[in-house]
Protein backbone atom coordinates (compact mmCIF):
# COMPACT_ATOMS: atom_id res chain seq x y z
CA MET A 1 -1.34 8.73 -7.59
CA ILE A 2 -3.21 5.42 -7.63
CA ARG A 3 -3.13 3.82 -4.18
CA VAL A 4 -3.03 0.02 -4.18
CA LEU A 5 -3.58 -2.51 -1.39
CA VAL A 6 -2.01 -5.91 -2.03
CA ALA A 7 -3.81 -8.94 -0.56
CA GLU A 8 -1.66 -12.04 -1.13
CA ASP A 9 -0.69 -14.72 1.38
CA HIS A 10 2.57 -15.80 -0.28
CA THR A 11 5.38 -13.50 0.88
CA ILE A 12 7.59 -13.91 -2.20
CA VAL A 13 4.72 -13.17 -4.58
CA ARG A 14 3.58 -10.21 -2.47
CA GLU A 15 7.07 -8.68 -2.29
CA GLY A 16 7.49 -9.14 -6.05
CA ILE A 17 4.21 -7.35 -6.73
CA LYS A 18 5.18 -4.52 -4.38
CA GLN A 19 8.52 -4.09 -6.17
CA LEU A 20 6.79 -4.08 -9.55
CA ILE A 21 4.24 -1.47 -8.47
CA GLY A 22 7.02 0.56 -6.82
CA MET A 23 8.70 1.02 -10.22
CA ALA A 24 5.64 2.81 -11.62
CA LYS A 25 5.61 6.55 -10.91
CA ASP A 26 1.81 6.78 -10.80
CA LEU A 27 1.20 3.79 -8.48
CA GLN A 28 1.82 3.37 -4.75
CA VAL A 29 1.34 0.39 -2.40
CA VAL A 30 -0.37 1.77 0.71
CA GLY A 31 -1.08 -1.49 2.53
CA GLU A 32 -0.91 -5.27 2.43
CA ALA A 33 -2.79 -8.24 3.81
CA THR A 34 -2.15 -11.97 4.06
CA ASN A 35 -5.76 -13.11 4.58
CA GLY A 36 -9.31 -11.93 4.03
CA GLU A 37 -9.98 -10.78 7.58
CA GLN A 38 -6.80 -8.70 7.68
CA LEU A 39 -7.70 -7.23 4.29
CA LEU A 40 -11.14 -6.07 5.41
CA GLU A 41 -9.70 -4.60 8.61
CA THR A 42 -6.97 -2.74 6.68
CA LEU A 43 -9.48 -1.40 4.13
CA ARG A 44 -11.49 0.22 6.93
CA GLN A 45 -8.38 2.16 7.97
CA VAL A 46 -6.42 2.73 4.75
CA PRO A 47 -8.13 4.37 1.75
CA CYS A 48 -7.11 3.11 -1.68
CA GLU A 49 -8.32 3.07 -5.28
CA VAL A 50 -7.51 -0.58 -6.10
CA VAL A 51 -7.33 -3.85 -4.16
CA LEU A 52 -5.13 -6.45 -5.80
CA LEU A 53 -6.81 -9.56 -4.45
CA ASP A 54 -5.44 -13.11 -4.52
CA ILE A 55 -8.28 -15.53 -5.18
CA SER A 56 -6.93 -18.29 -2.89
CA MET A 57 -6.25 -16.95 0.59
CA PRO A 58 -6.65 -18.61 4.00
CA GLY A 59 -9.72 -17.73 6.04
CA VAL A 60 -12.05 -15.59 3.95
CA ASN A 61 -10.86 -16.29 0.40
CA GLY A 62 -10.82 -13.86 -2.51
CA LEU A 63 -14.23 -14.74 -3.90
CA GLU A 64 -15.84 -14.49 -0.45
CA ALA A 65 -14.14 -11.14 0.17
CA ILE A 66 -15.54 -9.48 -2.97
CA PRO A 67 -19.10 -8.82 -1.70
CA ARG A 68 -17.72 -7.71 1.68
CA ILE A 69 -15.40 -5.20 0.01
CA ARG A 70 -18.23 -3.99 -2.21
CA ALA A 71 -20.37 -3.40 0.89
CA LEU A 72 -17.85 -0.92 2.34
CA SER A 73 -18.54 2.78 2.00
CA ASN A 74 -16.62 4.12 -1.01
CA PRO A 75 -15.23 0.67 -1.96
CA PRO A 76 -12.07 0.38 -4.10
CA ALA A 77 -11.98 -1.36 -7.47
CA ILE A 78 -11.14 -5.05 -7.12
CA LEU A 79 -8.56 -6.65 -9.40
CA MET A 80 -8.39 -10.40 -8.87
CA LEU A 81 -5.00 -12.06 -9.16
CA SER A 82 -4.98 -15.80 -9.64
CA MET A 83 -2.71 -18.64 -10.62
CA HIS A 84 -5.77 -20.16 -12.33
CA ASP A 85 -6.30 -19.20 -15.97
CA GLU A 86 -9.72 -20.76 -15.54
CA VAL A 87 -12.58 -19.19 -17.46
CA GLN A 88 -15.32 -20.12 -15.00
CA MET A 89 -13.30 -18.76 -12.08
CA ALA A 90 -12.83 -15.43 -13.88
CA ALA A 91 -16.49 -15.26 -14.87
CA ARG A 92 -17.55 -16.00 -11.30
CA ALA A 93 -15.29 -13.25 -9.87
CA LEU A 94 -16.47 -10.65 -12.40
CA LYS A 95 -20.11 -11.59 -11.89
CA ILE A 96 -19.99 -10.94 -8.14
CA GLY A 97 -18.27 -7.59 -8.37
CA ALA A 98 -14.60 -7.75 -9.35
CA ALA A 99 -13.54 -5.12 -11.89
CA GLY A 100 -10.78 -7.22 -13.38
CA TYR A 101 -9.06 -10.60 -13.47
CA ALA A 102 -5.33 -11.10 -14.05
CA THR A 103 -3.25 -14.26 -13.83
CA LYS A 104 0.08 -14.55 -12.02
CA ASP A 105 1.93 -15.77 -15.11
CA SER A 106 0.92 -12.79 -17.25
CA ASP A 107 3.39 -10.11 -18.38
CA PRO A 108 4.25 -7.76 -15.46
CA ALA A 109 3.51 -4.73 -17.67
CA LEU A 110 -0.02 -6.06 -18.18
CA LEU A 111 -0.59 -6.12 -14.43
CA LEU A 112 0.27 -2.42 -14.19
CA THR A 113 -2.05 -1.74 -17.14
CA ALA A 114 -4.79 -3.69 -15.40
CA ILE A 115 -4.39 -1.69 -12.16
CA ARG A 116 -4.61 1.61 -14.06
CA LYS A 117 -7.63 0.44 -16.03
CA VAL A 118 -9.74 -0.66 -13.06
CA ALA A 119 -8.68 2.43 -11.07
CA SER A 120 -10.20 4.61 -13.80
CA GLY A 121 -13.50 2.73 -13.65
CA GLY A 122 -12.75 0.31 -16.48
CA ARG A 123 -12.76 -3.47 -16.65
CA TYR A 124 -9.84 -5.78 -17.31
CA ILE A 125 -9.61 -9.43 -18.29
CA ASP A 126 -6.35 -11.24 -18.93
CA PRO A 127 -6.00 -11.25 -22.75
CA ALA A 128 -5.37 -15.00 -22.83
CA LEU A 129 -8.69 -15.50 -21.04
CA ALA A 130 -10.76 -12.92 -22.90
CA ASP A 131 -11.17 -14.87 -26.13
CA ARG A 132 -11.88 -18.11 -24.30
CA MET A 133 -14.52 -16.41 -22.13
CA VAL A 134 -16.48 -15.38 -25.19
CA PHE A 135 -16.66 -18.93 -26.48
CA GLU A 136 -16.71 -20.97 -23.29
CA VAL A 137 -19.05 -18.73 -21.29
CA GLY A 138 -20.86 -16.50 -23.73
CA LEU A 139 -21.72 -18.72 -26.66
CA THR A 140 -22.03 -22.19 -25.21
CA ASP A 141 -24.06 -23.84 -22.54
CA SER A 142 -21.52 -26.56 -21.89
CA ARG A 143 -20.46 -25.24 -18.53
CA PRO A 144 -18.44 -27.56 -16.30
CA PRO A 145 -20.20 -28.93 -13.20
CA HIS A 146 -18.28 -26.69 -10.78
CA ALA A 147 -19.82 -23.63 -12.47
CA LEU A 148 -23.14 -24.74 -10.95
CA LEU A 149 -21.82 -24.59 -7.37
CA SER A 150 -22.99 -21.73 -5.16
CA GLU A 151 -20.33 -19.38 -3.74
CA ARG A 152 -20.42 -21.15 -0.38
CA GLU A 153 -20.35 -24.62 -1.97
CA PHE A 154 -17.33 -23.58 -4.02
CA SER A 155 -15.58 -22.31 -0.89
CA VAL A 156 -16.18 -25.62 0.88
CA PHE A 157 -15.04 -27.52 -2.22
CA GLU A 158 -11.82 -25.48 -2.41
CA ARG A 159 -11.05 -26.13 1.25
CA LEU A 160 -11.84 -29.86 1.11
CA VAL A 161 -9.44 -30.21 -1.82
CA GLN A 162 -6.74 -28.45 0.21
CA GLY A 163 -7.09 -31.14 2.88
CA GLU A 164 -9.17 -29.28 5.47
CA GLY A 165 -11.75 -31.21 7.50
CA VAL A 166 -15.40 -30.34 8.06
CA ASN A 167 -14.84 -28.94 11.57
CA GLU A 168 -11.89 -26.82 10.43
CA ILE A 169 -13.90 -25.44 7.50
CA ALA A 170 -16.84 -24.69 9.80
CA GLN A 171 -14.56 -22.70 12.09
CA GLN A 172 -13.08 -20.69 9.22
CA LEU A 173 -16.46 -19.90 7.66
CA ALA A 174 -18.09 -19.23 11.06
CA VAL A 175 -20.89 -21.75 10.47
CA SER A 176 -21.83 -25.06 12.07
CA SER A 177 -20.24 -28.36 11.08
CA LYS A 178 -23.71 -29.56 10.09
CA THR A 179 -24.02 -26.68 7.59
CA VAL A 180 -20.62 -27.54 6.08
CA SER A 181 -21.62 -31.20 5.85
CA THR A 182 -24.78 -30.17 3.98
CA HIS A 183 -22.75 -28.07 1.53
CA LYS A 184 -20.30 -30.95 1.12
CA ALA A 185 -23.10 -33.40 0.31
CA ARG A 186 -24.62 -31.02 -2.25
CA LEU A 187 -21.37 -30.18 -4.00
CA MET A 188 -20.34 -33.85 -4.17
CA GLN A 189 -23.68 -34.64 -5.77
CA LYS A 190 -23.27 -31.80 -8.31
CA LEU A 191 -19.73 -32.96 -9.17
CA SER A 192 -20.69 -36.67 -9.19
CA ALA A 193 -18.00 -37.32 -6.58
CA HIS A 194 -18.10 -40.14 -4.03
CA SER A 195 -15.09 -39.15 -1.93
CA VAL A 196 -12.69 -36.29 -1.22
CA ALA A 197 -10.19 -38.12 -3.45
CA ASP A 198 -12.70 -37.75 -6.30
CA LEU A 199 -12.92 -34.02 -5.54
CA VAL A 200 -9.12 -33.69 -5.65
CA LYS A 201 -9.03 -35.53 -8.98
CA TYR A 202 -11.75 -33.25 -10.33
CA ALA A 203 -9.90 -30.14 -9.15
CA VAL A 204 -6.67 -31.28 -10.82
CA GLU A 205 -8.41 -32.17 -14.09
CA HIS A 206 -10.09 -28.75 -14.23
CA LYS A 207 -6.94 -26.84 -13.14
CA LEU A 208 -8.57 -25.57 -9.96
CA VAL A 209 -5.52 -26.33 -7.78
């Protein structure tokens, strides 16, 4: 039996995933989490083979949670679940330790396949993304500007676009407001943005929201 922990902050999506997994005889949902902190706490108490991890969660987001999960003793395989079919996002997640990347609009049967594959030590990439990754990431150097952001800069960028202020972001990331302001200045320079409105426009154009 493959034990799965579902980390997803949207109740409807989470319940749908649990129902889907419940229909498979070889899979079992053993826990759930609605944010990164709750996920890490649950993982310390509930053993599992696979974490199904939403990339955009409040608090510690999916990308930030990956290295923390990997640092646990006997860590589970991490299968990212995202509404973004964005090549750079998938490449970033896989690079820092995720075993797979699935999108929320993919065929439900593919999600079950993905869980089984990463549980057995394999890797999984959404088929629609796989071909694009080869060309957009592997064979070309024309990476979009946001691919040059550090993990922390990307986290700040994501939160700014969602309407959070510097002080709020600082509190969530457990750093000083000055540190967040520094990250904000650097990421705006890298993205050639002059305002948060520019960042929102950039995020929409690159399907990051």
